[in-house]
Amino acid sequence: MHGSPDSITAIETPPDSDVEKDIKVKNLTSLESETSGKQKLCSWLNKNFKIEMTDGRVLIGVFLCTDRDGNIILGSCGEYLKPEDVGVMEEPRILGLVMVPGRHIVSIHLDDTGYSGETM
């Protein structure tokens, strides 16, 4: 029976042209690059981030996610005022869950101060 679901028809495909091979290699390289970027982001999940903003404030919290626009979501976040104005790191203002707009981010660092946003 022709066209039945049980019949299999072999279709010969022409060999890949050089252009098609180049496109496949570029796509593979792009995917590898994308994968390494995703791996780096995944390695930062649930780590403490220190974000300096354009207005001088410093936010320290747990990195939860980001988006294509560079916005970042921090959990258990604390806000510090400009450290140079105060002279020493003061007690944070507890914010909790925060979305930091990417356009206001000056720098991002993994934070090793041990602040977790929780009060003792």
N, C-alpha and C. Protein backbone atom coordinates (compact mmCIF):
# COMPACT_ATOMS: atom_id res chain seq x y z
N MET A 1 0.85 -1.16 0.00
CA MET A 1 0.00 0.00 0.00
C MET A 1 0.90 1.23 0.00
N HIS A 2 0.75 2.08 -0.96
CA HIS A 2 1.60 3.25 -1.12
C HIS A 2 1.14 4.37 -0.20
N GLY A 3 2.07 4.97 0.56
CA GLY A 3 1.74 6.10 1.43
C GLY A 3 1.23 5.69 2.79
N SER A 4 1.24 4.41 3.08
CA SER A 4 0.78 4.00 4.40
C SER A 4 1.83 4.35 5.44
N PRO A 5 1.45 4.48 6.69
CA PRO A 5 2.39 4.85 7.73
C PRO A 5 3.52 3.84 7.92
N ASP A 6 3.28 2.58 7.49
CA ASP A 6 4.28 1.55 7.67
C ASP A 6 5.36 1.56 6.59
N SER A 7 5.10 2.24 5.47
CA SER A 7 6.08 2.24 4.39
C SER A 7 7.13 3.31 4.62
N ILE A 8 8.36 2.99 4.26
CA ILE A 8 9.47 3.91 4.43
C ILE A 8 10.06 4.17 3.05
N THR A 9 10.21 5.42 2.71
CA THR A 9 10.79 5.80 1.43
C THR A 9 12.11 6.48 1.68
N ALA A 10 13.15 5.99 1.03
CA ALA A 10 14.47 6.60 1.17
C ALA A 10 14.60 7.72 0.14
N ILE A 11 15.00 8.88 0.60
CA ILE A 11 15.20 10.02 -0.29
C ILE A 11 16.68 10.37 -0.25
N GLU A 12 17.28 10.42 -1.41
CA GLU A 12 18.69 10.78 -1.47
C GLU A 12 18.81 12.29 -1.39
N THR A 13 19.72 12.73 -0.54
CA THR A 13 19.97 14.16 -0.44
C THR A 13 21.34 14.44 -1.01
N PRO A 14 21.49 15.56 -1.71
CA PRO A 14 22.79 15.89 -2.28
C PRO A 14 23.80 16.16 -1.17
N PRO A 15 25.08 15.94 -1.42
CA PRO A 15 26.09 16.24 -0.40
C PRO A 15 26.09 17.73 -0.07
N ASP A 16 26.50 18.05 1.16
CA ASP A 16 26.52 19.45 1.61
C ASP A 16 27.47 20.27 0.75
N SER A 17 27.03 21.47 0.40
CA SER A 17 27.91 22.39 -0.32
C SER A 17 28.85 23.03 0.69
N ASP A 18 29.89 23.68 0.21
CA ASP A 18 30.84 24.35 1.09
C ASP A 18 30.16 25.43 1.92
N VAL A 19 29.21 26.14 1.32
CA VAL A 19 28.49 27.19 2.03
C VAL A 19 27.68 26.59 3.17
N GLU A 20 26.99 25.48 2.90
CA GLU A 20 26.20 24.83 3.94
C GLU A 20 27.09 24.33 5.08
N LYS A 21 28.27 23.81 4.72
CA LYS A 21 29.22 23.35 5.75
C LYS A 21 29.68 24.52 6.61
N ASP A 22 29.98 25.67 5.97
CA ASP A 22 30.40 26.85 6.72
C ASP A 22 29.31 27.31 7.68
N ILE A 23 28.06 27.29 7.22
CA ILE A 23 26.93 27.71 8.06
C ILE A 23 26.80 26.77 9.26
N LYS A 24 26.94 25.46 9.01
CA LYS A 24 26.84 24.49 10.10
C LYS A 24 27.95 24.69 11.12
N VAL A 25 29.17 24.96 10.66
CA VAL A 25 30.30 25.19 11.57
C VAL A 25 30.06 26.45 12.38
N LYS A 26 29.58 27.54 11.74
CA LYS A 26 29.31 28.78 12.46
C LYS A 26 28.22 28.58 13.49
N ASN A 27 27.16 27.85 13.12
CA ASN A 27 26.07 27.58 14.07
C ASN A 27 26.57 26.77 15.25
N LEU A 28 27.43 25.77 14.99
CA LEU A 28 27.98 24.94 16.06
C LEU A 28 28.84 25.79 16.99
N THR A 29 29.69 26.65 16.41
CA THR A 29 30.53 27.53 17.22
C THR A 29 29.67 28.46 18.06
N SER A 30 28.61 29.00 17.46
CA SER A 30 27.71 29.89 18.19
C SER A 30 27.05 29.15 19.35
N LEU A 31 26.62 27.91 19.10
CA LEU A 31 25.98 27.12 20.15
C LEU A 31 26.97 26.81 21.27
N GLU A 32 28.22 26.48 20.92
CA GLU A 32 29.22 26.20 21.95
C GLU A 32 29.46 27.44 22.81
N SER A 33 29.53 28.60 22.14
CA SER A 33 29.74 29.85 22.86
C SER A 33 28.55 30.13 23.77
N GLU A 34 27.34 29.93 23.24
CA GLU A 34 26.13 30.14 24.03
C GLU A 34 26.09 29.19 25.21
N THR A 35 26.50 27.94 24.98
CA THR A 35 26.49 26.96 26.05
C THR A 35 27.48 27.34 27.15
N SER A 36 28.68 27.81 26.77
CA SER A 36 29.64 28.19 27.80
C SER A 36 29.15 29.40 28.59
N GLY A 37 28.46 30.32 27.92
CA GLY A 37 27.87 31.46 28.62
C GLY A 37 26.79 31.02 29.59
N LYS A 38 25.97 30.09 29.16
CA LYS A 38 24.92 29.57 30.04
C LYS A 38 25.53 28.84 31.23
N GLN A 39 26.61 28.10 30.98
CA GLN A 39 27.28 27.39 32.07
C GLN A 39 27.84 28.37 33.09
N LYS A 40 28.41 29.47 32.60
CA LYS A 40 28.97 30.47 33.52
C LYS A 40 27.84 31.08 34.36
N LEU A 41 26.72 31.44 33.70
CA LEU A 41 25.58 31.98 34.45
C LEU A 41 25.07 30.98 35.48
N CYS A 42 24.97 29.72 35.07
CA CYS A 42 24.50 28.69 36.00
C CYS A 42 25.44 28.53 37.19
N SER A 43 26.74 28.70 36.95
CA SER A 43 27.70 28.56 38.06
C SER A 43 27.55 29.71 39.06
N TRP A 44 26.99 30.84 38.62
CA TRP A 44 26.81 31.99 39.51
C TRP A 44 25.49 31.93 40.28
N LEU A 45 24.58 31.04 39.92
CA LEU A 45 23.29 30.97 40.60
C LEU A 45 23.50 30.72 42.09
N ASN A 46 22.72 31.43 42.88
CA ASN A 46 22.72 31.31 44.34
C ASN A 46 24.03 31.74 45.00
N LYS A 47 24.84 32.49 44.28
CA LYS A 47 26.07 33.07 44.85
C LYS A 47 25.78 34.52 45.22
N ASN A 48 26.50 35.05 46.20
CA ASN A 48 26.34 36.45 46.59
C ASN A 48 26.99 37.36 45.56
N PHE A 49 26.22 38.33 45.10
CA PHE A 49 26.70 39.33 44.16
C PHE A 49 26.76 40.69 44.84
N LYS A 50 27.74 41.46 44.46
CA LYS A 50 27.85 42.86 44.89
C LYS A 50 27.72 43.70 43.63
N ILE A 51 26.67 44.51 43.57
CA ILE A 51 26.40 45.32 42.38
C ILE A 51 26.51 46.79 42.75
N GLU A 52 27.36 47.50 42.03
CA GLU A 52 27.48 48.95 42.19
C GLU A 52 26.61 49.61 41.14
N MET A 53 25.81 50.59 41.57
CA MET A 53 24.86 51.24 40.67
C MET A 53 25.33 52.65 40.31
N THR A 54 24.72 53.22 39.28
CA THR A 54 25.11 54.54 38.78
C THR A 54 24.95 55.63 39.82
N ASP A 55 24.02 55.48 40.76
CA ASP A 55 23.81 56.51 41.78
C ASP A 55 24.72 56.32 43.00
N GLY A 56 25.62 55.31 42.94
CA GLY A 56 26.57 55.11 44.01
C GLY A 56 26.15 54.07 45.03
N ARG A 57 24.91 53.65 45.03
CA ARG A 57 24.48 52.63 45.99
C ARG A 57 25.13 51.30 45.64
N VAL A 58 25.28 50.47 46.65
CA VAL A 58 25.81 49.12 46.48
C VAL A 58 24.76 48.14 46.98
N LEU A 59 24.42 47.16 46.14
CA LEU A 59 23.47 46.13 46.51
C LEU A 59 24.21 44.81 46.65
N ILE A 60 23.94 44.10 47.73
CA ILE A 60 24.52 42.78 47.94
C ILE A 60 23.37 41.81 48.18
N GLY A 61 23.33 40.78 47.34
CA GLY A 61 22.28 39.79 47.46
C GLY A 61 22.61 38.54 46.68
N VAL A 62 21.71 37.59 46.71
CA VAL A 62 21.89 36.30 46.06
C VAL A 62 21.41 36.39 44.61
N PHE A 63 22.30 36.05 43.67
CA PHE A 63 21.95 36.08 42.24
C PHE A 63 20.95 34.99 41.92
N LEU A 64 19.78 35.40 41.42
CA LEU A 64 18.73 34.44 41.09
C LEU A 64 18.52 34.28 39.59
N CYS A 65 18.56 35.39 38.83
CA CYS A 65 18.40 35.28 37.39
C CYS A 65 18.73 36.60 36.70
N THR A 66 18.78 36.54 35.39
CA THR A 66 19.01 37.72 34.56
C THR A 66 18.18 37.56 33.29
N ASP A 67 18.15 38.61 32.48
CA ASP A 67 17.43 38.53 31.20
C ASP A 67 18.29 39.10 30.09
N ARG A 68 17.74 39.16 28.89
CA ARG A 68 18.49 39.63 27.73
C ARG A 68 18.91 41.09 27.84
N ASP A 69 18.18 41.87 28.61
CA ASP A 69 18.48 43.30 28.75
C ASP A 69 19.52 43.58 29.82
N GLY A 70 19.99 42.54 30.50
CA GLY A 70 21.00 42.73 31.54
C GLY A 70 20.41 43.08 32.88
N ASN A 71 19.08 42.99 33.03
CA ASN A 71 18.46 43.19 34.33
C ASN A 71 18.80 41.98 35.20
N ILE A 72 18.96 42.22 36.48
CA ILE A 72 19.34 41.14 37.40
C ILE A 72 18.37 41.08 38.56
N ILE A 73 18.01 39.87 38.95
CA ILE A 73 17.17 39.65 40.13
C ILE A 73 18.06 39.16 41.26
N LEU A 74 18.03 39.87 42.39
CA LEU A 74 18.77 39.48 43.59
C LEU A 74 17.77 39.14 44.68
N GLY A 75 18.03 38.08 45.41
CA GLY A 75 17.21 37.73 46.57
C GLY A 75 17.96 38.06 47.84
N SER A 76 17.23 38.22 48.93
CA SER A 76 17.82 38.54 50.24
C SER A 76 18.80 39.70 50.13
N CYS A 77 18.35 40.73 49.46
CA CYS A 77 19.22 41.85 49.11
C CYS A 77 19.27 42.92 50.19
N GLY A 78 20.47 43.45 50.38
CA GLY A 78 20.68 44.59 51.27
C GLY A 78 21.26 45.75 50.48
N GLU A 79 20.87 46.96 50.85
CA GLU A 79 21.34 48.16 50.15
C GLU A 79 22.28 48.94 51.06
N TYR A 80 23.42 49.31 50.51
CA TYR A 80 24.40 50.13 51.23
C TYR A 80 24.50 51.46 50.51
N LEU A 81 24.61 52.55 51.29
CA LEU A 81 24.80 53.86 50.68
C LEU A 81 26.24 53.99 50.22
N LYS A 82 26.53 55.07 49.53
CA LYS A 82 27.86 55.28 48.98
C LYS A 82 28.91 55.08 50.08
N PRO A 83 29.77 54.05 49.95
CA PRO A 83 30.77 53.79 51.00
C PRO A 83 31.73 54.95 51.20
N GLU A 84 32.08 55.70 50.14
CA GLU A 84 33.03 56.81 50.30
C GLU A 84 32.42 57.96 51.09
N ASP A 85 31.09 58.11 51.06
CA ASP A 85 30.43 59.17 51.83
C ASP A 85 30.40 58.83 53.32
N VAL A 86 30.22 57.57 53.64
CA VAL A 86 30.09 57.13 55.02
C VAL A 86 31.45 56.85 55.64
N GLY A 87 32.38 56.35 54.85
CA GLY A 87 33.71 56.04 55.36
C GLY A 87 33.88 54.57 55.70
N VAL A 88 32.87 53.96 56.31
CA VAL A 88 32.91 52.53 56.63
C VAL A 88 31.61 51.91 56.15
N MET A 89 31.64 50.59 56.00
CA MET A 89 30.43 49.88 55.59
C MET A 89 29.44 49.89 56.75
N GLU A 90 28.30 50.52 56.56
CA GLU A 90 27.29 50.60 57.61
C GLU A 90 26.31 49.44 57.50
N GLU A 91 25.37 49.36 58.42
CA GLU A 91 24.34 48.33 58.38
C GLU A 91 23.49 48.54 57.12
N PRO A 92 23.13 47.46 56.47
CA PRO A 92 22.36 47.60 55.24
C PRO A 92 20.89 47.90 55.50
N ARG A 93 20.28 48.49 54.52
CA ARG A 93 18.82 48.61 54.49
C ARG A 93 18.34 47.34 53.81
N ILE A 94 17.56 46.52 54.49
CA ILE A 94 17.12 45.23 53.96
C ILE A 94 16.01 45.46 52.93
N LEU A 95 16.22 44.96 51.71
CA LEU A 95 15.25 45.15 50.63
C LEU A 95 14.50 43.86 50.29
N GLY A 96 15.15 42.72 50.43
CA GLY A 96 14.52 41.45 50.05
C GLY A 96 14.77 41.13 48.59
N LEU A 97 13.69 40.87 47.84
CA LEU A 97 13.79 40.53 46.42
C LEU A 97 13.83 41.81 45.59
N VAL A 98 14.86 41.93 44.73
CA VAL A 98 15.09 43.18 43.99
C VAL A 98 15.36 42.89 42.53
N MET A 99 14.81 43.72 41.64
CA MET A 99 15.16 43.70 40.23
C MET A 99 16.03 44.92 39.97
N VAL A 100 17.26 44.70 39.54
CA VAL A 100 18.20 45.78 39.26
C VAL A 100 18.23 46.01 37.75
N PRO A 101 17.79 47.19 37.29
CA PRO A 101 17.82 47.45 35.84
C PRO A 101 19.26 47.45 35.32
N GLY A 102 19.47 46.76 34.22
CA GLY A 102 20.80 46.64 33.64
C GLY A 102 21.43 47.98 33.31
N ARG A 103 20.62 48.96 32.92
CA ARG A 103 21.16 50.27 32.52
C ARG A 103 21.73 51.04 33.71
N HIS A 104 21.40 50.63 34.94
CA HIS A 104 21.89 51.31 36.14
C HIS A 104 23.07 50.59 36.80
N ILE A 105 23.53 49.49 36.19
CA ILE A 105 24.61 48.71 36.77
C ILE A 105 25.95 49.25 36.28
N VAL A 106 26.83 49.59 37.23
CA VAL A 106 28.18 50.03 36.90
C VAL A 106 29.13 48.84 36.92
N SER A 107 29.05 48.01 37.97
CA SER A 107 29.92 46.83 38.07
C SER A 107 29.24 45.75 38.89
N ILE A 108 29.69 44.52 38.62
CA ILE A 108 29.18 43.35 39.33
C ILE A 108 30.37 42.53 39.79
N HIS A 109 30.34 42.10 41.05
CA HIS A 109 31.41 41.27 41.59
C HIS A 109 30.79 40.14 42.39
N LEU A 110 31.45 38.99 42.40
CA LEU A 110 31.06 37.96 43.36
C LEU A 110 31.45 38.49 44.72
N ASP A 111 30.54 38.45 45.67
CA ASP A 111 30.79 39.02 47.00
C ASP A 111 31.30 37.96 47.95
N ASP A 112 32.39 38.27 48.63
CA ASP A 112 32.95 37.32 49.58
C ASP A 112 32.87 37.81 51.03
N THR A 113 32.04 38.85 51.26
CA THR A 113 31.94 39.38 52.62
C THR A 113 31.10 38.49 53.52
N GLY A 114 30.33 37.59 52.91
CA GLY A 114 29.54 36.67 53.71
C GLY A 114 28.17 37.21 54.07
N TYR A 115 27.83 38.43 53.62
CA TYR A 115 26.49 38.97 53.92
C TYR A 115 25.46 38.16 53.18
N SER A 116 24.42 37.71 53.85
CA SER A 116 23.39 36.91 53.20
C SER A 116 22.03 37.60 53.23
N GLY A 117 21.93 38.78 53.79
CA GLY A 117 20.67 39.48 53.85
C GLY A 117 19.83 39.13 55.06
N GLU A 118 20.26 38.14 55.80
CA GLU A 118 19.49 37.72 56.99
C GLU A 118 20.12 38.36 58.22
N THR A 119 19.27 38.79 59.12
CA THR A 119 19.77 39.35 60.38
C THR A 119 19.92 38.22 61.39
N MET A 120 20.89 38.36 62.25
CA MET A 120 21.17 37.33 63.24
C MET A 120 20.32 37.54 64.47
